[in-house]
Amino acid sequence: MSRPYDFLLPTPDSPTMQLHERATTVPPKSYQRHDWQRGYESLKQEYDYAIDDVEGEIPSQLCGTLFRNGPGLLDINGQPVHHPFDGDGMISAISFRDGRAHFRNRYIRTEAYVEEQKAGKILYRGVFGTQKPGGWLANAFDFRLKNIANTNVIYWGGKLLALWEAAEPHRLDPHNLETVGKDFLDGAIAQGDPFAAHPRFDPSCDMDGGEPCLVNFSLKVGLSTTVTIFELNPAGTVVRKHAHSIPGFAFIHDFAITPNYCILFQNPVAFNPIPFTLGLRGAAECIKFQPHQKTRIVLIPRHPKESMQILETHAGFVFHHANAFERDGEVIVDSICYESFPEVEPTSDFKQVDFDALKPGQLWRFHLNLQDKTVSRELIEERCCEFPSIHKDKVGRSYRYLFMGAAHESTGNAPLQAILKIDLESGERQLWSAAPRGFISEPIFVPRPDSTLEDDGWVLTLVYDSTHHRSDVVILDGRNLNKGAIATLHLKHHIPYGLHGNFAPDCTIAG
């Protein structure tokens, strides 16, 4: 019996799937664990240099800066963090102009970063299990949050902001990446208030006469969870802010938008605060997946006077959404869905993760029928995939092309080593792979200036090259990944595996 979207699932022999890779041969397993592990070494040095080791040619039309954020410091004076999500944030900026490129990185000088660097030891507990030295007694009843500012970086309203979803943003100088300090959005948030790390950029907001706007949310959890929606105009001013209460505990990393809705997936998890309170576990280690509960899909109208809706679907866990749009009375959401939450254990070592024992993230399409209050879902891509990226003008709208990080192999779970492009209309796939010794980061699609074609542009990604223990900036042709890399920019060092970033076409760092 065929499943919906089977026409979109190519076989290994499908003529629509072509594999372009660095190596002429890839061993039976596309990666070696020790190669992947080295990408998690700290980068202690801050650099500032023109990139002159380039294979191929940087497109002359590619102008602006790729900003990336992620945990750059994975130990403090030799004391390792328990999980990379606890690592201090480091911004990398690759600036393009006139066919040349410049690199700069800086650590975000958060208060905790400065304190710990001065002390030469860990002073704060991490959400994902990092503990202060001294065992549980030294950690019990210590509820201080270390704002590590390590998840995303955006350029909006003339501000460069480093984001971490549990606290306020940090503002940076966009030209030299120096830390300016905490940013409270001109008083829209208070000290310690959260501002999520996954804003969405609406290319044309009806409420603002077609002007673009930034949409984001925040969570304050308890027996019920308060979701606050923020909308900022191009000047960076908060023009709409409204709060809503949803029942139960919520752990939500990302959301999606349409012109009329913010859509959040309330994953079926429970939080037991006792081990955290007693200093035995980090907060995230106290989250447990509830497989027998439903996933709640929360639709919050962007027009504040309208009512919130909550629908339910099968249990699963979603970190990231690709996009959402409205069509024929439905809201359609494309999301990377996992069978369960990948739980973090106190005794575990993230570098020793058994990929084969874990279910992969896969791309699913959810149809939300608001009249019937029903949800149906379809598998779009069964290959292990993450970090979806689309054309910026298609956010919240019907779209055709999607770029994602993906595993080299078509089945099973594995580190991301490839970039996958899906044509959602024809079902065509294109795959560019850096296997066996390359490991990719989140791809960013950058449209070609003045082009009207949705996939006409470049896909930018950082690739960790374990052979040389360095990172490359790889530029691919968005229309045809099968061409291979247009340009490969070899950095002088590696960049630890990052999380999220954005391309700012109107910002170029000083070189």
Protein backbone atom coordinates (compact mmCIF):
# COMPACT_ATOMS: atom_id res chain seq x y z
CA MET A 1 0.00 0.00 0.00
CA SER A 2 1.41 3.34 -1.00
CA ARG A 3 1.58 6.28 1.35
CA PRO A 4 0.84 9.90 0.59
CA TYR A 5 3.91 11.59 -0.85
CA ASP A 6 5.42 8.31 -1.99
CA PHE A 7 5.94 10.04 -5.35
CA LEU A 8 8.37 12.33 -3.53
CA LEU A 9 10.50 9.53 -2.10
CA PRO A 10 13.19 8.56 -4.65
CA THR A 11 14.77 5.16 -4.74
CA PRO A 12 18.56 4.83 -4.69
CA ASP A 13 18.40 4.33 -8.47
CA SER A 14 16.10 7.29 -9.11
CA PRO A 15 17.27 9.53 -11.95
CA THR A 16 16.27 12.56 -9.86
CA MET A 17 18.80 11.79 -7.16
CA GLN A 18 22.40 12.54 -8.06
CA LEU A 19 25.18 12.40 -5.50
CA HIS A 20 28.09 14.82 -5.67
CA GLU A 21 30.79 14.28 -3.12
CA ARG A 22 34.34 15.32 -2.40
CA ALA A 23 35.81 11.88 -2.40
CA THR A 24 35.83 9.50 -5.33
CA THR A 25 34.85 6.69 -2.99
CA VAL A 26 32.97 6.61 0.29
CA PRO A 27 33.44 3.61 2.60
CA PRO A 28 30.44 1.46 3.61
CA LYS A 29 29.88 3.78 6.55
CA SER A 30 30.01 7.38 5.40
CA TYR A 31 31.86 8.64 8.48
CA GLN A 32 34.26 7.69 11.22
CA ARG A 33 33.31 8.65 14.76
CA HIS A 34 36.75 10.05 15.61
CA ASP A 35 36.57 12.35 12.58
CA TRP A 36 33.21 13.73 13.69
CA GLN A 37 34.35 14.10 17.31
CA ARG A 38 37.21 16.47 16.49
CA GLY A 39 34.72 19.09 15.33
CA TYR A 40 33.77 19.55 18.98
CA GLU A 41 37.15 20.88 20.09
CA SER A 42 37.11 24.45 21.46
CA LEU A 43 38.39 27.31 19.35
CA LYS A 44 40.25 29.48 21.85
CA GLN A 45 41.65 32.08 19.44
CA GLU A 46 39.85 35.03 17.85
CA TYR A 47 40.81 35.71 14.23
CA ASP A 48 40.55 38.55 11.75
CA TYR A 49 41.87 37.97 8.21
CA ALA A 50 41.13 38.03 4.49
CA ILE A 51 40.39 34.53 3.14
CA ASP A 52 42.92 33.98 0.37
CA ASP A 53 42.91 30.15 0.14
CA VAL A 54 40.00 29.70 -2.28
CA GLU A 55 39.18 26.88 -4.71
CA GLY A 56 36.89 28.06 -7.49
CA GLU A 57 35.52 31.58 -7.76
CA ILE A 58 33.41 33.57 -5.30
CA PRO A 59 30.38 35.02 -7.17
CA SER A 60 30.83 38.76 -7.64
CA GLN A 61 27.10 39.33 -6.99
CA LEU A 62 27.33 37.71 -3.56
CA CYS A 63 27.57 40.70 -1.24
CA GLY A 64 26.94 40.88 2.50
CA THR A 65 27.84 38.91 5.61
CA LEU A 66 27.06 35.39 6.73
CA PHE A 67 26.77 35.54 10.52
CA ARG A 68 26.95 32.25 12.41
CA ASN A 69 26.52 31.50 16.12
CA GLY A 70 27.27 28.41 18.15
CA PRO A 71 29.12 27.02 21.16
CA GLY A 72 32.74 27.87 20.44
CA LEU A 73 34.08 27.14 23.92
CA LEU A 74 33.43 23.56 24.99
CA ASP A 75 35.67 23.63 28.03
CA ILE A 76 36.79 26.19 30.60
CA ASN A 77 40.45 25.84 31.43
CA GLY A 78 40.26 22.15 30.58
CA GLN A 79 37.00 21.49 32.43
CA PRO A 80 34.63 20.19 29.73
CA VAL A 81 30.98 21.16 29.46
CA HIS A 82 28.59 18.24 29.70
CA HIS A 83 26.83 19.07 26.45
CA PRO A 84 27.71 21.42 23.56
CA PHE A 85 24.47 23.35 24.10
CA ASP A 86 26.09 24.62 27.34
CA GLY A 87 29.10 26.07 25.51
CA ASP A 88 29.72 29.83 25.38
CA GLY A 89 28.51 31.54 22.23
CA MET A 90 30.94 32.56 19.50
CA ILE A 91 30.02 34.61 16.45
CA SER A 92 31.70 33.88 13.13
CA ALA A 93 31.29 36.40 10.32
CA ILE A 94 32.20 35.71 6.70
CA SER A 95 31.85 38.90 4.69
CA PHE A 96 31.63 38.90 0.87
CA ARG A 97 32.27 41.81 -1.49
CA ASP A 98 33.58 42.07 -5.06
CA GLY A 99 34.45 38.39 -5.27
CA ARG A 100 36.53 38.44 -2.09
CA ALA A 101 35.86 37.27 1.47
CA HIS A 102 36.92 38.19 4.98
CA PHE A 103 36.67 36.17 8.22
CA ARG A 104 36.31 37.35 11.80
CA ASN A 105 35.20 35.59 15.00
CA ARG A 106 34.56 36.92 18.48
CA TYR A 107 33.27 35.45 21.70
CA ILE A 108 30.22 37.15 23.13
CA ARG A 109 31.33 38.84 26.34
CA THR A 110 28.38 37.85 28.49
CA GLU A 111 28.71 38.55 32.20
CA ALA A 112 29.15 34.85 32.93
CA TYR A 113 31.75 34.39 30.20
CA VAL A 114 33.85 37.24 31.62
CA GLU A 115 33.51 35.87 35.16
CA GLU A 116 34.49 32.32 34.25
CA GLN A 117 37.41 33.39 32.08
CA LYS A 118 38.73 35.49 34.96
CA ALA A 119 38.24 32.68 37.48
CA GLY A 120 39.58 29.97 35.14
CA LYS A 121 36.86 27.52 36.13
CA ILE A 122 33.18 26.73 35.77
CA LEU A 123 31.06 28.97 38.00
CA TYR A 124 27.57 28.28 36.61
CA ARG A 125 25.41 25.24 36.05
CA GLY A 126 24.40 24.56 32.47
CA VAL A 127 20.86 23.84 31.33
CA PHE A 128 22.06 20.66 29.60
CA GLY A 129 23.90 19.16 32.53
CA THR A 130 27.16 21.04 33.05
CA GLN A 131 27.81 21.20 36.81
CA LYS A 132 30.04 23.32 38.99
CA PRO A 133 32.92 21.39 40.58
CA GLY A 134 32.09 19.96 43.99
CA GLY A 135 29.32 17.48 43.27
CA TRP A 136 25.65 17.84 43.99
CA LEU A 137 26.18 19.79 47.21
CA ALA A 138 27.88 22.60 45.29
CA ASN A 139 25.01 22.70 42.77
CA ALA A 140 21.92 22.17 44.91
CA PHE A 141 19.47 25.08 45.04
CA ASP A 142 21.55 27.13 42.60
CA PHE A 143 19.01 28.38 40.06
CA ARG A 144 21.16 31.03 38.39
CA LEU A 145 20.96 30.95 34.60
CA LYS A 146 24.08 31.48 32.57
CA ASN A 147 23.07 33.44 29.49
CA ILE A 148 25.41 31.84 26.97
CA ALA A 149 24.02 33.66 23.91
CA ASN A 150 25.01 30.72 21.72
CA THR A 151 22.03 29.76 19.55
CA ASN A 152 21.37 32.30 16.79
CA VAL A 153 22.45 35.69 15.49
CA ILE A 154 20.27 38.14 13.55
CA TYR A 155 20.75 41.53 11.93
CA TRP A 156 17.59 43.63 12.24
CA GLY A 157 16.87 47.32 12.66
CA GLY A 158 20.58 48.12 12.41
CA LYS A 159 21.34 45.85 15.38
CA LEU A 160 23.31 42.62 15.47
CA LEU A 161 21.77 40.44 18.20
CA ALA A 162 23.04 37.15 19.63
CA LEU A 163 20.11 35.06 20.86
CA TRP A 164 19.62 32.39 23.50
CA GLU A 165 16.02 31.44 24.10
CA ALA A 166 16.00 31.53 27.90
CA ALA A 167 17.10 35.16 28.36
CA GLU A 168 17.51 38.54 26.74
CA PRO A 169 19.60 39.13 23.57
CA HIS A 170 23.14 40.49 23.54
CA ARG A 171 23.88 43.33 21.15
CA LEU A 172 27.10 43.28 19.12
CA ASP A 173 28.80 45.79 16.88
CA PRO A 174 27.98 44.44 13.39
CA HIS A 175 31.27 45.67 11.92
CA ASN A 176 33.80 44.29 14.41
CA LEU A 177 31.65 41.87 16.52
CA GLU A 178 32.57 43.54 19.81
CA THR A 179 29.97 43.01 22.56
CA VAL A 180 27.93 46.14 23.32
CA GLY A 181 25.82 44.61 26.11
CA LYS A 182 22.36 43.23 26.77
CA ASP A 183 19.55 44.54 24.63
CA PHE A 184 16.02 44.96 26.01
CA LEU A 185 14.29 45.92 22.75
CA ASP A 186 13.78 49.52 23.92
CA GLY A 187 12.02 48.38 27.08
CA ALA A 188 9.80 45.69 25.54
CA ILE A 189 11.50 43.05 27.71
CA ALA A 190 12.96 43.28 31.23
CA GLN A 191 16.16 41.96 32.80
CA GLY A 192 16.17 38.17 32.52
CA ASP A 193 13.11 37.98 30.26
CA PRO A 194 13.32 35.36 27.52
CA PHE A 195 13.37 36.16 23.81
CA ALA A 196 13.44 33.03 21.65
CA ALA A 197 16.33 32.15 19.37
CA HIS A 198 14.21 31.40 16.29
CA PRO A 199 12.57 34.59 15.00
CA ARG A 200 10.79 34.52 11.67
CA PHE A 201 11.07 37.28 9.10
CA ASP A 202 7.75 38.09 7.45
CA PRO A 203 8.59 39.57 4.03
CA SER A 204 5.31 41.49 3.76
CA CYS A 205 3.08 42.13 6.78
CA ASP A 206 -0.52 43.12 6.01
CA MET A 207 -0.84 44.96 9.32
CA ASP A 208 2.09 47.19 8.37
CA GLY A 209 1.06 48.05 4.83
CA GLY A 210 3.21 45.34 3.28
CA GLU A 211 6.39 46.25 5.14
CA PRO A 212 8.58 43.40 6.41
CA CYS A 213 8.59 42.57 10.10
CA LEU A 214 10.35 40.30 12.54
CA VAL A 215 8.12 37.91 14.50
CA ASN A 216 9.33 36.12 17.63
CA PHE A 217 8.02 34.54 20.81
CA SER A 218 9.02 33.90 24.40
CA LEU A 219 8.03 31.25 26.93
CA LYS A 220 7.54 31.48 30.68
CA VAL A 221 6.84 27.98 31.98
CA GLY A 222 5.07 26.68 35.05
CA LEU A 223 1.91 24.65 35.66
CA SER A 224 0.76 26.55 32.58
CA THR A 225 2.95 28.27 30.00
CA THR A 226 2.73 31.89 28.94
CA VAL A 227 3.56 32.49 25.28
CA THR A 228 4.29 36.09 24.33
CA ILE A 229 4.36 37.11 20.67
CA PHE A 230 6.55 40.03 19.56
CA GLU A 231 6.46 41.79 16.17
CA LEU A 232 9.16 44.32 15.28
CA ASN A 233 9.14 46.77 12.38
CA PRO A 234 12.19 47.34 10.11
CA ALA A 235 13.49 49.99 12.53
CA GLY A 236 13.61 47.35 15.30
CA THR A 237 10.69 48.81 17.29
CA VAL A 238 8.18 46.41 18.89
CA VAL A 239 4.86 47.31 17.23
CA ARG A 240 2.76 44.40 18.53
CA LYS A 241 3.06 42.35 21.69
CA HIS A 242 0.46 39.99 23.12
CA ALA A 243 0.54 37.13 25.64
CA HIS A 244 -1.42 33.86 25.73
CA SER A 245 -1.68 31.04 28.27
CA ILE A 246 -1.48 27.40 27.19
CA PRO A 247 -2.06 24.49 29.58
CA GLY A 248 0.88 22.51 30.91
CA PHE A 249 4.64 22.62 30.58
CA ALA A 250 6.02 23.58 27.16
CA PHE A 251 9.48 23.02 25.69
CA ILE A 252 9.42 24.81 22.33
CA HIS A 253 12.55 25.76 20.39
CA ASP A 254 11.12 26.98 17.08
CA PHE A 255 7.82 28.11 15.57
CA ALA A 256 6.37 28.91 12.17
CA ILE A 257 4.31 31.81 10.85
CA THR A 258 1.77 32.57 8.17
CA PRO A 259 0.24 36.00 7.45
CA ASN A 260 -2.45 35.25 10.04
CA TYR A 261 -0.96 32.79 12.54
CA CYS A 262 1.98 31.88 14.75
CA ILE A 263 2.16 28.08 14.99
CA LEU A 264 3.89 26.35 17.90
CA PHE A 265 4.19 22.58 18.46
CA GLN A 266 3.84 21.78 22.18
CA ASN A 267 5.86 18.58 22.35
CA PRO A 268 4.56 15.88 24.74
CA VAL A 269 7.15 16.16 27.50
CA ALA A 270 7.06 16.44 31.27
CA PHE A 271 9.45 18.27 33.58
CA ASN A 272 10.43 16.99 37.04
CA PRO A 273 12.26 19.82 38.84
CA ILE A 274 13.39 17.81 41.89
CA PRO A 275 16.69 16.38 40.50
CA PHE A 276 17.56 19.85 39.19
CA THR A 277 16.77 21.49 42.52
CA LEU A 278 18.91 18.97 44.40
CA GLY A 279 21.89 19.53 42.11
CA LEU A 280 21.74 16.06 40.57
CA ARG A 281 20.78 17.00 37.00
CA GLY A 282 20.66 19.92 34.63
CA ALA A 283 17.23 21.34 33.81
CA ALA A 284 17.09 19.74 30.33
CA GLU A 285 18.05 16.38 31.85
CA CYS A 286 14.78 16.53 33.82
CA ILE A 287 12.65 16.57 30.67
CA LYS A 288 11.04 13.24 29.80
CA PHE A 289 9.19 12.36 26.64
CA GLN A 290 5.59 11.18 27.07
CA PRO A 291 4.94 8.80 24.14
CA HIS A 292 1.32 8.14 25.09
CA GLN A 293 0.35 11.81 25.02
CA LYS A 294 -0.56 13.88 22.00
CA THR A 295 1.47 16.65 20.44
CA ARG A 296 -0.49 19.88 20.76
CA ILE A 297 -0.37 22.34 17.87
CA VAL A 298 -1.04 25.87 19.11
CA LEU A 299 -2.25 28.46 16.60
CA ILE A 300 -2.00 32.01 17.92
CA PRO A 301 -3.56 34.68 15.68
CA ARG A 302 -1.19 37.50 14.78
CA HIS A 303 -4.20 39.79 15.00
CA PRO A 304 -4.36 40.10 18.82
CA LYS A 305 -8.16 40.33 19.10
CA GLU A 306 -8.76 36.88 17.61
CA SER A 307 -8.86 33.62 19.62
CA MET A 308 -6.15 30.99 20.00
CA GLN A 309 -6.78 27.42 18.79
CA ILE A 310 -5.21 24.14 19.93
CA LEU A 311 -5.25 20.99 17.77
CA GLU A 312 -3.74 17.57 18.51
CA THR A 313 -1.73 15.03 16.55
CA HIS A 314 0.44 11.96 17.11
CA ALA A 315 3.21 12.06 19.69
CA GLY A 316 6.53 13.20 18.28
CA PHE A 317 9.18 15.84 18.87
CA VAL A 318 9.92 18.86 16.71
CA PHE A 319 12.95 21.12 17.05
CA HIS A 320 12.69 22.95 13.71
CA HIS A 321 10.06 23.93 11.16
CA ALA A 322 10.81 24.48 7.49
CA ASN A 323 7.82 26.71 6.70
CA ALA A 324 4.07 27.15 6.97
CA PHE A 325 1.40 28.58 4.69
CA GLU A 326 -2.37 28.84 4.29
CA ARG A 327 -4.26 27.10 1.47
CA ASP A 328 -7.90 26.17 0.90
CA GLY A 329 -8.96 26.69 4.50
CA GLU A 330 -5.97 24.78 5.91
CA VAL A 331 -2.75 25.77 7.58
CA ILE A 332 0.07 23.59 6.26
CA VAL A 333 3.26 23.15 8.29
CA ASP A 334 6.44 21.38 7.13
CA SER A 335 8.56 20.25 10.07
CA ILE A 336 11.53 18.07 11.00
CA CYS A 337 9.96 15.49 13.30
CA TYR A 338 11.57 12.93 15.61
CA GLU A 339 9.95 9.85 17.03
CA SER A 340 10.85 11.02 20.55
CA PHE A 341 12.87 13.62 22.45
CA PRO A 342 16.62 12.77 22.41
CA GLU A 343 17.04 12.72 26.18
CA VAL A 344 20.29 13.81 27.83
CA GLU A 345 21.57 11.61 30.67
CA PRO A 346 23.96 12.79 33.45
CA THR A 347 26.35 9.90 32.85
CA SER A 348 26.33 10.17 29.06
CA ASP A 349 29.09 11.50 26.82
CA PHE A 350 27.72 13.37 23.80
CA LYS A 351 30.87 12.51 21.80
CA GLN A 352 30.05 8.80 22.19
CA VAL A 353 26.49 9.00 20.87
CA ASP A 354 25.37 5.83 19.10
CA PHE A 355 23.80 7.21 15.93
CA ASP A 356 22.61 3.77 14.88
CA ALA A 357 20.52 3.44 18.05
CA LEU A 358 18.61 6.70 17.49
CA LYS A 359 15.75 7.38 15.11
CA PRO A 360 16.49 10.08 12.54
CA GLY A 361 14.76 13.40 12.13
CA GLN A 362 12.55 13.33 9.02
CA LEU A 363 10.54 15.92 7.10
CA TRP A 364 6.77 15.70 7.61
CA ARG A 365 3.90 17.81 6.30
CA PHE A 366 1.03 18.59 8.71
CA HIS A 367 -2.37 19.68 7.40
CA LEU A 368 -4.29 21.67 10.02
CA ASN A 369 -8.01 21.88 9.24
CA LEU A 370 -9.21 24.77 11.37
CA GLN A 371 -12.89 24.19 10.65
CA ASP A 372 -12.95 20.49 11.51
CA LYS A 373 -10.23 20.83 14.20
CA THR A 374 -8.35 17.91 12.68
CA VAL A 375 -4.72 17.20 11.77
CA SER A 376 -3.41 14.89 9.07
CA ARG A 377 0.25 14.30 8.29
CA GLU A 378 2.39 12.94 5.47
CA LEU A 379 6.03 11.92 5.27
CA ILE A 380 7.87 14.04 2.70
CA GLU A 381 11.48 12.97 3.25
CA GLU A 382 12.62 9.85 5.10
CA ARG A 383 16.35 10.59 4.82
CA CYS A 384 17.85 11.87 8.08
CA CYS A 385 17.70 15.67 7.80
CA GLU A 386 17.80 18.89 9.82
CA PHE A 387 18.28 22.67 9.61
CA PRO A 388 15.81 23.55 6.81
CA SER A 389 16.29 26.75 4.78
CA ILE A 390 14.11 28.48 2.15
CA HIS A 391 13.96 31.67 0.10
CA LYS A 392 13.42 34.60 2.48
CA ASP A 393 10.45 35.91 0.45
CA LYS A 394 8.62 32.58 0.84
CA VAL A 395 8.43 32.60 4.66
CA GLY A 396 4.77 32.01 5.59
CA ARG A 397 3.81 31.54 1.92
CA SER A 398 3.38 28.62 -0.44
CA TYR A 399 6.82 27.56 -1.65
CA ARG A 400 8.51 25.06 -3.93
CA TYR A 401 12.16 24.60 -2.95
CA LEU A 402 13.67 23.50 0.33
CA PHE A 403 17.33 23.09 1.34
CA MET A 404 18.39 21.04 4.38
CA GLY A 405 21.35 19.44 6.06
CA ALA A 406 21.18 15.68 5.53
CA ALA A 407 22.93 12.39 6.11
CA HIS A 408 25.01 10.97 3.28
CA GLU A 409 23.10 7.69 3.27
CA SER A 410 19.42 7.56 2.36
CA THR A 411 18.41 5.52 5.42
CA GLY A 412 19.32 5.41 9.09
CA ASN A 413 20.66 8.04 11.45
CA ALA A 414 24.06 9.69 11.06
CA PRO A 415 25.88 13.03 11.36
CA LEU A 416 24.93 15.62 8.75
CA GLN A 417 27.38 15.41 5.87
CA ALA A 418 25.31 16.58 2.90
CA ILE A 419 23.03 19.31 1.57
CA LEU A 420 19.68 18.10 0.23
CA LYS A 421 17.47 20.13 -2.11
CA ILE A 422 13.84 19.09 -2.57
CA ASP A 423 11.50 20.31 -5.28
CA LEU A 424 8.16 19.98 -3.49
CA GLU A 425 6.24 20.17 -6.77
CA SER A 426 8.10 17.66 -8.93
CA GLY A 427 9.67 15.51 -6.23
CA GLU A 428 13.17 15.98 -7.68
CA ARG A 429 16.04 15.67 -5.22
CA GLN A 430 19.60 16.93 -5.48
CA LEU A 431 22.25 15.96 -2.95
CA TRP A 432 25.73 17.38 -2.46
CA SER A 433 27.86 15.45 0.02
CA ALA A 434 31.08 16.20 1.90
CA ALA A 435 31.48 12.56 3.00
CA PRO A 436 33.47 10.74 4.12
CA ARG A 437 35.49 13.25 6.15
CA GLY A 438 33.40 16.41 5.91
CA PHE A 439 30.55 17.43 8.25
CA ILE A 440 28.18 20.24 7.36
CA SER A 441 26.39 22.94 9.31
CA GLU A 442 23.03 24.63 8.73
CA PRO A 443 22.70 25.67 5.06
CA ILE A 444 21.65 29.25 4.33
CA PHE A 445 19.99 30.11 1.02
CA VAL A 446 20.93 33.55 -0.34
CA PRO A 447 18.85 34.79 -3.31
CA ARG A 448 20.64 36.22 -6.33
CA PRO A 449 19.94 39.98 -6.46
CA ASP A 450 17.07 40.95 -8.80
CA SER A 451 16.23 37.32 -9.69
CA THR A 452 12.56 36.25 -9.71
CA LEU A 453 13.29 32.50 -9.59
CA GLU A 454 12.78 30.89 -6.20
CA ASP A 455 15.92 28.73 -6.26
CA ASP A 456 18.17 31.19 -8.11
CA GLY A 457 20.88 31.99 -5.60
CA TRP A 458 23.56 30.39 -3.50
CA VAL A 459 23.57 27.89 -0.65
CA LEU A 460 26.20 28.73 1.95
CA THR A 461 27.37 26.27 4.57
CA LEU A 462 30.32 25.68 6.87
CA VAL A 463 31.93 22.28 6.44
CA TYR A 464 34.23 20.79 9.05
CA ASP A 465 37.08 19.10 7.16
CA SER A 466 38.42 16.46 9.53
CA THR A 467 41.30 15.61 7.18
CA HIS A 468 42.90 19.02 7.79
CA HIS A 469 41.12 19.87 11.07
CA ARG A 470 39.79 23.08 9.59
CA SER A 471 36.49 24.46 8.38
CA ASP A 472 35.58 25.44 4.84
CA VAL A 473 32.98 27.92 3.65
CA VAL A 474 31.28 26.13 0.75
CA ILE A 475 29.21 28.00 -1.85
CA LEU A 476 26.77 25.93 -3.94
CA ASP A 477 24.52 26.90 -6.86
CA GLY A 478 20.94 26.86 -5.56
CA ARG A 479 19.55 25.92 -8.98
CA ASN A 480 21.86 22.96 -9.42
CA LEU A 481 23.69 21.32 -6.53
CA ASN A 482 24.93 18.77 -9.03
CA LYS A 483 27.50 21.28 -10.24
CA GLY A 484 29.40 20.73 -7.03
CA ALA A 485 30.94 23.62 -5.11
CA ILE A 486 31.19 26.94 -6.96
CA ALA A 487 33.80 27.98 -4.43
CA THR A 488 35.41 26.43 -1.37
CA LEU A 489 37.00 28.89 1.04
CA HIS A 490 39.55 27.21 3.31
CA LEU A 491 39.79 28.81 6.74
CA LYS A 492 43.03 28.72 8.74
CA HIS A 493 41.38 26.78 11.59
CA HIS A 494 38.24 24.86 12.47
CA ILE A 495 34.98 26.30 13.78
CA PRO A 496 33.23 24.05 16.31
CA TYR A 497 29.86 22.77 15.09
CA GLY A 498 27.46 25.69 15.24
CA LEU A 499 23.72 26.12 15.54
CA HIS A 500 22.06 28.93 13.58
CA GLY A 501 22.83 32.05 11.61
CA ASN A 502 21.61 34.46 8.96
CA PHE A 503 22.86 36.30 5.92
CA ALA A 504 22.74 40.11 6.01
CA PRO A 505 22.99 41.51 2.46
CA ASP A 506 23.23 45.09 3.72
CA CYS A 507 26.03 44.55 6.23
CA THR A 508 29.72 44.05 5.55
CA ILE A 509 32.26 43.67 8.38
CA ALA A 510 35.34 45.86 8.38
CA GLY A 511 38.31 44.25 6.72
